[in-house]
Protein backbone atom coordinates (compact mmCIF):
# COMPACT_ATOMS: atom_id res chain seq x y z
CA MET A 1 0.01 -0.01 0.01
CA LYS A 2 1.18 3.46 -0.87
CA ASN A 3 0.33 5.61 2.14
CA ASP A 4 -1.99 4.51 4.97
CA SER A 5 -2.68 8.12 5.93
CA HIS A 6 -4.03 8.85 2.47
CA PHE A 7 -6.42 5.88 2.68
CA HIS A 8 -7.55 7.10 6.09
CA CYS A 9 -8.20 10.57 4.76
CA ILE A 10 -10.37 9.16 1.93
CA ASP A 11 -12.35 7.07 4.43
CA GLN A 12 -12.97 10.11 6.69
CA LEU A 13 -13.97 12.22 3.71
CA ILE A 14 -16.54 9.64 2.53
CA LEU A 15 -18.00 9.34 6.03
CA GLN A 16 -18.60 13.15 6.07
CA LEU A 17 -20.08 13.07 2.60
CA GLU A 18 -22.53 10.38 3.69
CA THR A 19 -23.90 12.73 6.37
CA VAL A 20 -24.94 15.13 3.57
CA ILE A 21 -25.94 12.71 0.75
CA LEU A 22 -27.88 9.92 2.39
CA SER A 23 -28.55 6.38 1.11
CA LYS A 24 -26.30 6.78 -1.94
CA PRO A 25 -23.00 5.06 -0.94
CA LYS A 26 -21.94 3.87 -4.39
CA SER A 27 -22.73 7.14 -6.04
CA ILE A 28 -20.66 8.97 -3.46
CA ARG A 29 -17.72 6.66 -3.96
CA LEU A 30 -17.92 6.90 -7.72
CA ALA A 31 -17.95 10.73 -7.50
CA VAL A 32 -14.86 10.74 -5.28
CA ALA A 33 -13.14 8.15 -7.54
CA CYS A 34 -13.81 10.40 -10.50
CA LEU A 35 -11.96 13.27 -8.83
CA LEU A 36 -9.12 10.99 -7.79
CA ALA A 37 -8.87 9.80 -11.40
CA ASN A 38 -8.45 13.48 -12.46
CA GLY A 39 -11.59 13.28 -14.58
CA HIS A 40 -14.90 15.12 -14.83
CA LEU A 41 -18.36 14.09 -13.61
CA LEU A 42 -21.77 14.31 -15.33
CA ILE A 43 -24.94 13.95 -13.17
CA GLU A 44 -28.32 13.55 -14.86
CA ASP A 45 -31.31 13.90 -12.58
CA LEU A 46 -34.53 15.73 -11.93
CA PRO A 47 -34.19 19.09 -10.17
CA GLY A 48 -33.83 18.95 -6.38
CA MET A 49 -32.10 15.55 -6.09
CA GLY A 50 -28.95 16.82 -4.38
CA LYS A 51 -26.64 17.47 -7.31
CA THR A 52 -25.63 20.94 -6.13
CA THR A 53 -25.34 19.72 -2.55
CA LEU A 54 -22.91 16.99 -3.59
CA ALA A 55 -20.72 19.48 -5.52
CA SER A 56 -20.70 21.97 -2.65
CA ALA A 57 -19.85 19.32 -0.09
CA MET A 58 -16.99 17.92 -2.19
CA ALA A 59 -15.53 21.41 -2.66
CA LYS A 60 -15.53 21.96 1.10
CA LEU A 61 -14.14 18.57 2.05
CA PHE A 62 -11.34 18.76 -0.51
CA ASP A 63 -10.66 22.46 0.27
CA LEU A 64 -11.10 23.49 -3.36
CA SER A 65 -12.04 26.93 -4.67
CA PHE A 66 -15.65 26.61 -5.91
CA ASN A 67 -17.69 28.39 -8.56
CA ARG A 68 -21.13 27.65 -9.95
CA ILE A 69 -22.42 28.51 -13.42
CA GLN A 70 -26.18 28.38 -13.96
CA PHE A 71 -26.48 27.68 -17.66
CA THR A 72 -29.32 29.35 -19.54
CA SER A 73 -30.43 29.60 -23.15
CA ASP A 74 -29.00 33.13 -23.54
CA MET A 75 -25.54 32.39 -22.08
CA LEU A 76 -22.47 33.38 -24.07
CA PRO A 77 -19.08 31.57 -24.08
CA SER A 78 -17.51 34.63 -22.43
CA ASP A 79 -19.86 34.10 -19.48
CA VAL A 80 -17.84 30.92 -18.84
CA THR A 81 -14.30 31.83 -19.78
CA GLY A 82 -14.16 35.54 -19.08
CA SER A 83 -13.40 38.37 -21.49
CA ASN A 84 -11.10 41.32 -22.24
CA ILE A 85 -12.62 44.60 -20.99
CA PHE A 86 -11.41 48.00 -22.07
CA ASN A 87 -10.04 50.30 -19.41
CA PRO A 88 -10.55 53.93 -20.48
CA GLN A 89 -8.00 55.19 -17.97
CA SER A 90 -5.09 53.07 -19.21
CA GLN A 91 -6.48 52.91 -22.79
CA SER A 92 -5.88 49.19 -22.84
CA PHE A 93 -7.74 45.93 -22.53
CA SER A 94 -7.39 43.70 -19.45
CA PHE A 95 -8.61 40.14 -19.00
CA HIS A 96 -11.30 39.55 -16.43
CA GLN A 97 -11.50 35.87 -15.44
CA GLY A 98 -14.76 34.02 -15.80
CA PRO A 99 -16.14 31.49 -13.31
CA VAL A 100 -14.20 28.66 -14.97
CA PHE A 101 -11.10 29.87 -13.12
CA CYS A 102 -11.54 27.74 -9.98
CA GLN A 103 -10.66 24.23 -8.84
CA LEU A 104 -14.19 22.75 -8.70
CA LEU A 105 -16.71 24.10 -11.19
CA LEU A 106 -20.39 23.20 -10.98
CA ALA A 107 -21.86 23.56 -14.48
CA ASP A 108 -25.49 23.50 -13.48
CA GLU A 109 -28.11 22.44 -16.06
CA LEU A 110 -25.52 22.39 -18.81
CA ASN A 111 -27.99 21.16 -21.37
CA ARG A 112 -30.20 24.23 -20.97
CA ALA A 113 -27.52 26.28 -22.79
CA THR A 114 -27.03 26.41 -26.53
CA PRO A 115 -24.27 24.28 -28.10
CA LYS A 116 -22.15 27.39 -28.60
CA ALA A 117 -22.12 28.14 -24.86
CA GLN A 118 -21.65 24.40 -24.03
CA SER A 119 -18.56 24.26 -26.18
CA ALA A 120 -16.84 26.90 -24.03
CA LEU A 121 -16.16 24.12 -21.50
CA LEU A 122 -14.53 21.74 -23.97
CA GLN A 123 -10.99 23.16 -24.02
CA ALA A 124 -11.05 23.76 -20.28
CA MET A 125 -12.07 20.20 -19.48
CA GLU A 126 -9.58 18.55 -21.87
CA GLU A 127 -6.57 20.84 -21.74
CA LYS A 128 -7.05 22.59 -18.40
CA GLU A 129 -6.71 25.95 -20.10
CA VAL A 130 -8.83 28.49 -22.03
CA SER A 131 -8.06 30.76 -24.96
CA VAL A 132 -9.59 34.18 -25.24
CA ASP A 133 -8.73 36.57 -28.14
CA GLY A 134 -5.68 34.49 -29.03
CA GLN A 135 -4.26 34.47 -25.52
CA THR A 136 -4.07 31.18 -23.49
CA TYR A 137 -4.71 31.12 -19.77
CA THR A 138 -3.91 28.11 -17.55
CA LEU A 139 -6.52 26.98 -15.09
CA ALA A 140 -5.83 26.18 -11.46
CA GLN A 141 -4.87 22.62 -10.49
CA PRO A 142 -6.62 20.39 -9.73
CA PHE A 143 -9.49 21.29 -12.00
CA PHE A 144 -12.69 19.29 -11.64
CA VAL A 145 -16.00 19.86 -13.45
CA ILE A 146 -19.27 18.53 -12.08
CA ALA A 147 -21.83 19.16 -14.73
CA THR A 148 -25.56 18.52 -14.19
CA GLN A 149 -28.19 18.00 -16.81
CA ASN A 150 -31.91 17.57 -16.71
CA PRO A 151 -33.48 14.58 -18.44
CA THR A 152 -33.71 15.44 -22.18
CA GLU A 153 -37.47 14.88 -22.23
CA GLN A 154 -37.88 18.03 -20.15
CA SER A 155 -38.65 21.22 -21.99
CA GLY A 156 -35.93 23.75 -22.88
CA THR A 157 -33.06 21.26 -23.07
CA TYR A 158 -30.45 20.71 -25.79
CA LEU A 159 -28.72 17.39 -26.27
CA LEU A 160 -25.04 17.48 -25.30
CA PRO A 161 -22.88 16.63 -28.35
CA GLU A 162 -20.98 13.40 -28.30
CA SER A 163 -17.65 15.29 -28.22
CA GLN A 164 -18.63 16.89 -24.94
CA LEU A 165 -20.17 13.82 -23.38
CA ASP A 166 -16.98 11.89 -24.06
CA ARG A 167 -15.01 14.35 -21.90
CA PHE A 168 -16.84 13.20 -18.76
CA ASN A 169 -15.23 10.17 -17.14
CA ILE A 170 -18.52 8.98 -15.70
CA LYS A 171 -22.19 9.72 -15.56
CA LEU A 172 -24.29 9.25 -12.41
CA SER A 173 -27.88 9.59 -11.34
CA LEU A 174 -28.62 10.10 -7.64
CA GLY A 175 -32.36 9.48 -7.79
CA TYR A 176 -34.84 9.74 -4.96
CA PRO A 177 -33.67 9.11 -1.37
CA ASP A 178 -35.09 6.14 0.51
CA GLN A 179 -37.78 6.77 3.08
CA GLN A 180 -35.53 6.91 6.09
CA ALA A 181 -33.08 9.32 4.38
CA GLU A 182 -35.98 11.51 3.28
CA ARG A 183 -37.31 11.63 6.85
CA LEU A 184 -33.89 12.90 8.12
CA MET A 185 -33.87 15.54 5.40
CA LEU A 186 -37.36 16.74 6.35
CA LYS A 187 -36.11 17.11 9.93
CA GLY A 188 -33.16 19.13 8.71
CA GLN A 189 -30.63 16.48 9.74
CA ALA A 190 -29.20 15.89 6.29
CA GLY A 191 -28.80 17.55 2.92
CA ARG A 192 -27.65 21.11 2.31
CA ASP A 193 -28.29 22.11 5.93
CA GLN A 194 -25.36 19.97 6.98
CA ILE A 195 -22.71 21.43 4.66
CA GLU A 196 -21.73 24.14 7.11
CA LYS A 197 -20.86 21.43 9.61
CA LEU A 198 -18.27 19.83 7.26
CA SER A 199 -14.61 20.43 7.70
CA SER A 200 -11.81 20.07 5.12
CA VAL A 201 -10.19 16.61 5.17
CA ILE A 202 -7.87 16.76 2.13
CA ASN A 203 -6.28 19.99 0.86
CA HIS A 204 -5.67 20.51 -2.83
CA ALA A 205 -1.89 19.81 -2.52
CA LEU A 206 -2.62 16.44 -0.92
CA LEU A 207 -5.25 15.75 -3.54
CA CYS A 208 -2.68 16.28 -6.28
CA ASP A 209 -0.36 13.81 -4.54
CA ILE A 210 -3.16 11.26 -4.32
CA GLN A 211 -4.01 11.78 -8.00
CA LYS A 212 -0.35 10.98 -8.87
CA GLU A 213 -0.51 7.79 -6.74
CA VAL A 214 -3.72 6.73 -8.54
CA LYS A 215 -2.10 7.32 -11.91
CA ASN A 216 0.80 5.04 -10.95
CA ILE A 217 -1.35 2.11 -9.75
CA ASP A 218 -0.43 -1.10 -11.53
CA VAL A 219 -2.70 -2.69 -14.18
CA SER A 220 -1.71 -6.22 -15.12
CA ASP A 221 -2.05 -7.67 -18.61
CA GLN A 222 -4.82 -9.95 -17.30
CA VAL A 223 -6.86 -6.92 -16.21
CA LEU A 224 -6.18 -5.18 -19.49
CA ASP A 225 -7.41 -8.29 -21.32
CA TYR A 226 -10.62 -8.17 -19.33
CA ALA A 227 -11.07 -4.43 -19.93
CA GLN A 228 -10.43 -4.78 -23.67
CA ALA A 229 -12.91 -7.67 -23.92
CA LEU A 230 -15.58 -5.43 -22.39
CA ILE A 231 -14.58 -2.53 -24.64
CA ALA A 232 -14.85 -4.77 -27.69
CA LYS A 233 -18.38 -5.80 -26.65
CA THR A 234 -19.50 -2.12 -26.78
CA ARG A 235 -18.31 -1.91 -30.40
CA LEU A 236 -20.29 -4.93 -31.72
CA PRO A 237 -22.84 -3.63 -34.31
CA GLU A 238 -25.61 -5.82 -32.89
CA TYR A 239 -25.26 -3.93 -29.58
CA CYS A 240 -24.20 -0.39 -30.37
CA LYS A 241 -24.04 2.03 -33.34
CA VAL A 242 -21.29 3.90 -31.42
CA GLY A 243 -19.11 1.99 -28.96
CA LEU A 244 -16.62 3.10 -26.34
CA SER A 245 -14.07 5.54 -27.82
CA PRO A 246 -10.31 5.34 -27.10
CA ARG A 247 -10.81 8.25 -24.60
CA GLY A 248 -13.62 6.26 -23.03
CA ALA A 249 -11.38 3.20 -22.79
CA MET A 250 -8.75 5.31 -21.06
CA ALA A 251 -11.45 6.58 -18.68
CA LEU A 252 -12.39 2.99 -17.82
CA ILE A 253 -8.80 2.20 -16.78
CA GLN A 254 -8.43 5.49 -14.88
CA MET A 255 -11.61 4.87 -12.96
CA GLY A 256 -10.52 1.28 -12.29
CA LYS A 257 -7.29 2.59 -10.78
CA ALA A 258 -9.16 5.09 -8.60
CA TRP A 259 -11.57 2.41 -7.39
CA ALA A 260 -8.66 0.16 -6.57
CA PHE A 261 -7.04 2.93 -4.57
CA MET A 262 -10.24 3.41 -2.58
CA GLN A 263 -10.14 -0.30 -1.80
CA LYS A 264 -6.67 0.30 -0.32
CA ARG A 265 -4.83 -1.54 -3.15
CA ASP A 266 -1.99 -0.44 -5.43
CA PHE A 267 -3.09 -2.72 -8.19
CA VAL A 268 -6.26 -3.16 -10.20
CA VAL A 269 -8.36 -6.36 -10.25
CA PRO A 270 -11.13 -7.17 -12.74
CA LYS A 271 -13.77 -6.36 -10.12
CA ASP A 272 -12.59 -2.74 -10.11
CA ILE A 273 -13.21 -2.53 -13.82
CA SER A 274 -16.65 -4.16 -13.64
CA VAL A 275 -17.80 -1.84 -10.80
CA VAL A 276 -17.09 1.34 -12.78
CA PHE A 277 -17.97 -0.06 -16.22
CA LYS A 278 -21.61 1.08 -16.36
CA SER A 279 -20.93 4.65 -15.18
CA VAL A 280 -18.15 5.00 -17.78
CA CYS A 281 -20.29 3.71 -20.65
CA THR A 282 -23.82 4.86 -20.13
CA HIS A 283 -23.44 8.36 -21.60
CA ARG A 284 -21.03 7.33 -24.42
CA LEU A 285 -22.83 4.45 -26.17
CA VAL A 286 -25.37 4.85 -28.95
CA LEU A 287 -27.47 1.68 -28.95
CA ALA A 288 -28.24 -0.19 -32.14
CA GLN A 289 -31.90 -0.59 -31.13
CA LYS A 290 -34.25 0.80 -28.52
CA GLN A 291 -33.58 -1.11 -25.32
CA ASN A 292 -32.65 -0.56 -21.67
CA MET A 293 -29.08 0.69 -21.42
CA ASP A 294 -28.48 -0.70 -17.93
CA ALA A 295 -29.75 -4.20 -18.96
CA LEU A 296 -27.50 -4.21 -22.03
CA LEU A 297 -24.42 -3.25 -19.99
CA GLU A 298 -25.28 -5.97 -17.50
CA THR A 299 -25.44 -8.47 -20.39
CA MET A 300 -22.00 -7.37 -21.57
CA LEU A 301 -20.59 -7.84 -18.06
CA ASP A 302 -22.09 -11.31 -17.77
CA SER A 303 -20.72 -12.34 -21.14
CA VAL A 304 -17.08 -11.56 -20.36
CA SER A 305 -15.11 -13.79 -18.04
CA ALA A 306 -12.80 -12.14 -15.54
CA ASN A 307 -10.36 -15.11 -15.60
């Protein structure tokens, strides 16, 4: 094991998150794993399910600078990146940073913005920098985007293009809380009311160190064989019109490493890959025929041996 204190910090952080987001242990762990994998997270859910609460709580626990953008149909790319503003006193332009200049960005209801505004996030997510009027600006490290989208059947939404969806390591859905969790929320003993009680567990310098440890976790040829067999299943024409891209395949391995780290291991086993497989694939695949995505991914997992 790399560093027992790092594992202890992750355990303590998850315990605190579970006091805010109740009855969603796997979703919490996947969200944390996504950050440890140095990726980005997409959450699709109905309004009021705790998406913003999760983002705010993670920013506080990881001691990350936090900004939120509420995407709307009239938003411009400069509302995300910032713009050059003329100063009449100095007779020159100066760059005013947009909300993307932070360490954890909540892109709320991303699919309510037009494709032009959505695309403003692409360079930032992939290259960790933005370009404005020919000048490139580097973003803070670490840089983590949590984007939320409403179900596409709701009015006033625009489908996210495949190029943007592919930049999210995983996609989650929190869903409704169970009855006991909802009772605690109604009593004010969980949810957003508890965020003020949280205290930082991992600062951003330690997070960068952990991300480096995760990157260096060992993946054996046996595990790569298993992962590639699953990836190949997603590319079969009888299953999908569009299978897992090379970037998606890399995300599967990155998430497998992060999940292994959270299990206190410095090597990946096939189980780590299978646990994260659905969340990596669900927003990337275009199915060959109308069917249940979750059921199809379960079929793929059942058809590939981990031996």
